[in-house]
């Protein structure tokens, strides 16, 4: 009986995450389409850049999304080159978490080695982008 309740709670939690994602994601995209983060003082600023002066691996993501939503693909990727790699990986992680947990692709991208490679590339990008001021 406990396993049945556990499955129901897990299923309800997954549905809740999916519903929140379906509600929040379009609102964020709507805001980023109409509000240019370079011109708006209310757009959140990177705490790491504010405190240290160094660009974190995620710096430029708001500008990326704003340009990408307006169809300026090359300009978008110029704000953060790491997103060429990170965006597809993140989308696959979300799809695996919300929709298809048991597929072979999900097992590959959530494999410990894949996650270590992603985290390592994150820190390498942090160093490279600040050395070359990208």
Protein backbone atom coordinates (compact mmCIF):
# COMPACT_ATOMS: atom_id res chain seq x y z
CA UNK A 1 0.00 0.00 0.00
CA UNK A 2 2.82 2.41 0.82
CA UNK A 3 4.34 1.91 -2.63
CA UNK A 4 1.01 2.79 -4.24
CA UNK A 5 0.77 6.01 -2.22
CA UNK A 6 4.41 6.80 -3.00
CA UNK A 7 3.80 6.37 -6.74
CA UNK A 8 0.74 8.64 -6.55
CA UNK A 9 2.64 11.36 -4.67
CA UNK A 10 5.58 11.16 -7.10
CA UNK A 11 3.23 11.31 -10.08
CA UNK A 12 1.34 14.28 -8.59
CA UNK A 13 4.64 16.06 -7.90
CA UNK A 14 5.81 15.51 -11.49
CA UNK A 15 2.52 16.89 -12.81
CA UNK A 16 2.92 19.91 -10.53
CA UNK A 17 6.46 20.58 -11.82
CA UNK A 18 5.22 20.30 -15.38
CA UNK A 19 2.31 22.68 -14.72
CA UNK A 20 4.59 25.23 -13.08
CA UNK A 21 6.97 24.98 -16.03
CA UNK A 22 4.10 25.47 -18.48
CA UNK A 23 2.97 28.55 -16.55
CA UNK A 24 6.30 30.24 -15.76
CA UNK A 25 8.24 29.61 -18.98
CA UNK A 26 5.91 31.58 -21.31
CA UNK A 27 5.81 34.49 -18.85
CA UNK A 28 9.61 34.65 -18.73
CA UNK A 29 9.84 34.48 -22.54
CA UNK A 30 7.16 37.18 -22.87
CA UNK A 31 9.07 39.49 -20.53
CA UNK A 32 12.38 38.85 -22.28
CA UNK A 33 10.80 39.50 -25.67
CA UNK A 34 9.48 42.92 -24.70
CA UNK A 35 12.12 44.03 -22.18
CA UNK A 36 15.67 44.52 -23.42
CA UNK A 37 17.94 43.58 -20.49
CA UNK A 38 20.64 45.98 -21.75
CA UNK A 39 18.31 48.96 -21.52
CA UNK A 40 16.15 48.09 -18.51
CA UNK A 41 17.57 48.88 -15.08
CA UNK A 42 15.10 46.47 -13.46
CA UNK A 43 16.61 43.45 -15.27
CA UNK A 44 18.55 41.26 -12.82
CA UNK A 45 22.29 41.68 -12.93
CA UNK A 46 24.85 38.93 -12.41
CA UNK A 47 25.89 38.78 -8.77
CA UNK A 48 29.27 37.21 -9.61
CA UNK A 49 30.09 39.96 -12.11
CA UNK A 50 28.91 42.65 -9.66
CA UNK A 51 31.07 41.29 -6.83
CA UNK A 52 34.19 40.16 -8.68
CA UNK A 53 34.17 41.86 -12.07
CA UNK A 54 34.46 38.45 -13.76
CA UNK A 55 31.84 37.13 -16.17
CA UNK A 56 30.28 33.89 -14.98
CA UNK A 57 29.45 31.14 -17.50
CA UNK A 58 25.81 32.28 -17.50
CA UNK A 59 26.50 35.99 -18.09
CA UNK A 60 24.74 37.16 -21.22
CA UNK A 61 21.89 34.67 -20.99
CA UNK A 62 19.18 37.34 -20.75
CA UNK A 63 20.63 39.23 -23.70
CA UNK A 64 20.92 35.91 -25.55
CA UNK A 65 17.25 35.10 -25.01
CA UNK A 66 16.14 38.61 -25.97
CA UNK A 67 18.11 38.53 -29.24
CA UNK A 68 17.14 34.91 -29.95
CA UNK A 69 13.42 35.66 -29.49
CA UNK A 70 13.76 38.49 -32.00
CA UNK A 71 15.38 36.15 -34.53
CA UNK A 72 18.91 37.51 -34.19
CA UNK A 73 20.56 34.11 -33.83
CA UNK A 74 24.19 35.07 -34.47
CA UNK A 75 23.94 38.11 -32.21
CA UNK A 76 22.35 35.92 -29.54
CA UNK A 77 25.18 33.41 -29.51
CA UNK A 78 27.75 36.22 -29.47
CA UNK A 79 26.52 37.12 -25.96
CA UNK A 80 27.38 33.70 -24.59
CA UNK A 81 29.12 31.07 -26.71
CA UNK A 82 28.71 28.44 -24.00
CA UNK A 83 24.97 28.34 -24.69
CA UNK A 84 25.66 26.67 -28.05
CA UNK A 85 26.56 23.65 -25.93
CA UNK A 86 24.61 24.28 -22.72
CA UNK A 87 21.20 25.09 -24.19
CA UNK A 88 20.62 21.77 -25.98
CA UNK A 89 21.92 19.87 -22.94
CA UNK A 90 19.62 21.81 -20.59
CA UNK A 91 16.60 21.33 -22.86
CA UNK A 92 17.29 17.59 -22.97
CA UNK A 93 17.56 17.49 -19.18
CA UNK A 94 14.21 19.26 -18.80
CA UNK A 95 12.57 16.96 -21.33
CA UNK A 96 13.97 13.92 -19.54
CA UNK A 97 12.85 15.20 -16.15
CA UNK A 98 9.34 16.15 -17.19
CA UNK A 99 8.42 13.82 -20.04
CA UNK A 100 10.61 10.83 -20.82
CA UNK A 101 12.59 9.66 -17.80
CA UNK A 102 13.42 6.11 -18.82
CA UNK A 103 14.69 6.52 -22.39
CA UNK A 104 18.22 5.62 -23.40
CA UNK A 105 19.01 9.27 -24.22
CA UNK A 106 18.00 10.33 -20.70
CA UNK A 107 20.17 7.64 -19.19
CA UNK A 108 23.12 8.86 -21.26
CA UNK A 109 22.80 12.58 -20.49
CA UNK A 110 22.14 12.00 -16.78
CA UNK A 111 25.02 9.53 -16.54
CA UNK A 112 27.62 10.56 -13.95
CA UNK A 113 30.34 10.92 -16.62
CA UNK A 114 28.13 13.16 -18.79
CA UNK A 115 27.33 15.39 -15.82
CA UNK A 116 31.03 15.60 -14.86
CA UNK A 117 31.93 16.57 -18.42
CA UNK A 118 29.25 19.28 -18.39
CA UNK A 119 30.39 20.67 -15.02
CA UNK A 120 34.04 20.57 -16.11
CA UNK A 121 33.21 22.42 -19.35
CA UNK A 122 31.28 24.99 -17.29
CA UNK A 123 34.36 25.83 -15.24
CA UNK A 124 36.66 25.74 -18.28
CA UNK A 125 34.34 28.24 -20.00
CA UNK A 126 34.40 30.42 -16.85
CA UNK A 127 38.21 30.59 -17.06
CA UNK A 128 38.47 30.93 -20.86
CA UNK A 129 35.87 33.68 -21.19
CA UNK A 130 37.63 35.79 -18.57
CA UNK A 131 41.16 35.24 -19.90
CA UNK A 132 40.14 36.19 -23.45
CA UNK A 133 37.39 38.61 -22.33
CA UNK A 134 34.73 36.88 -24.42
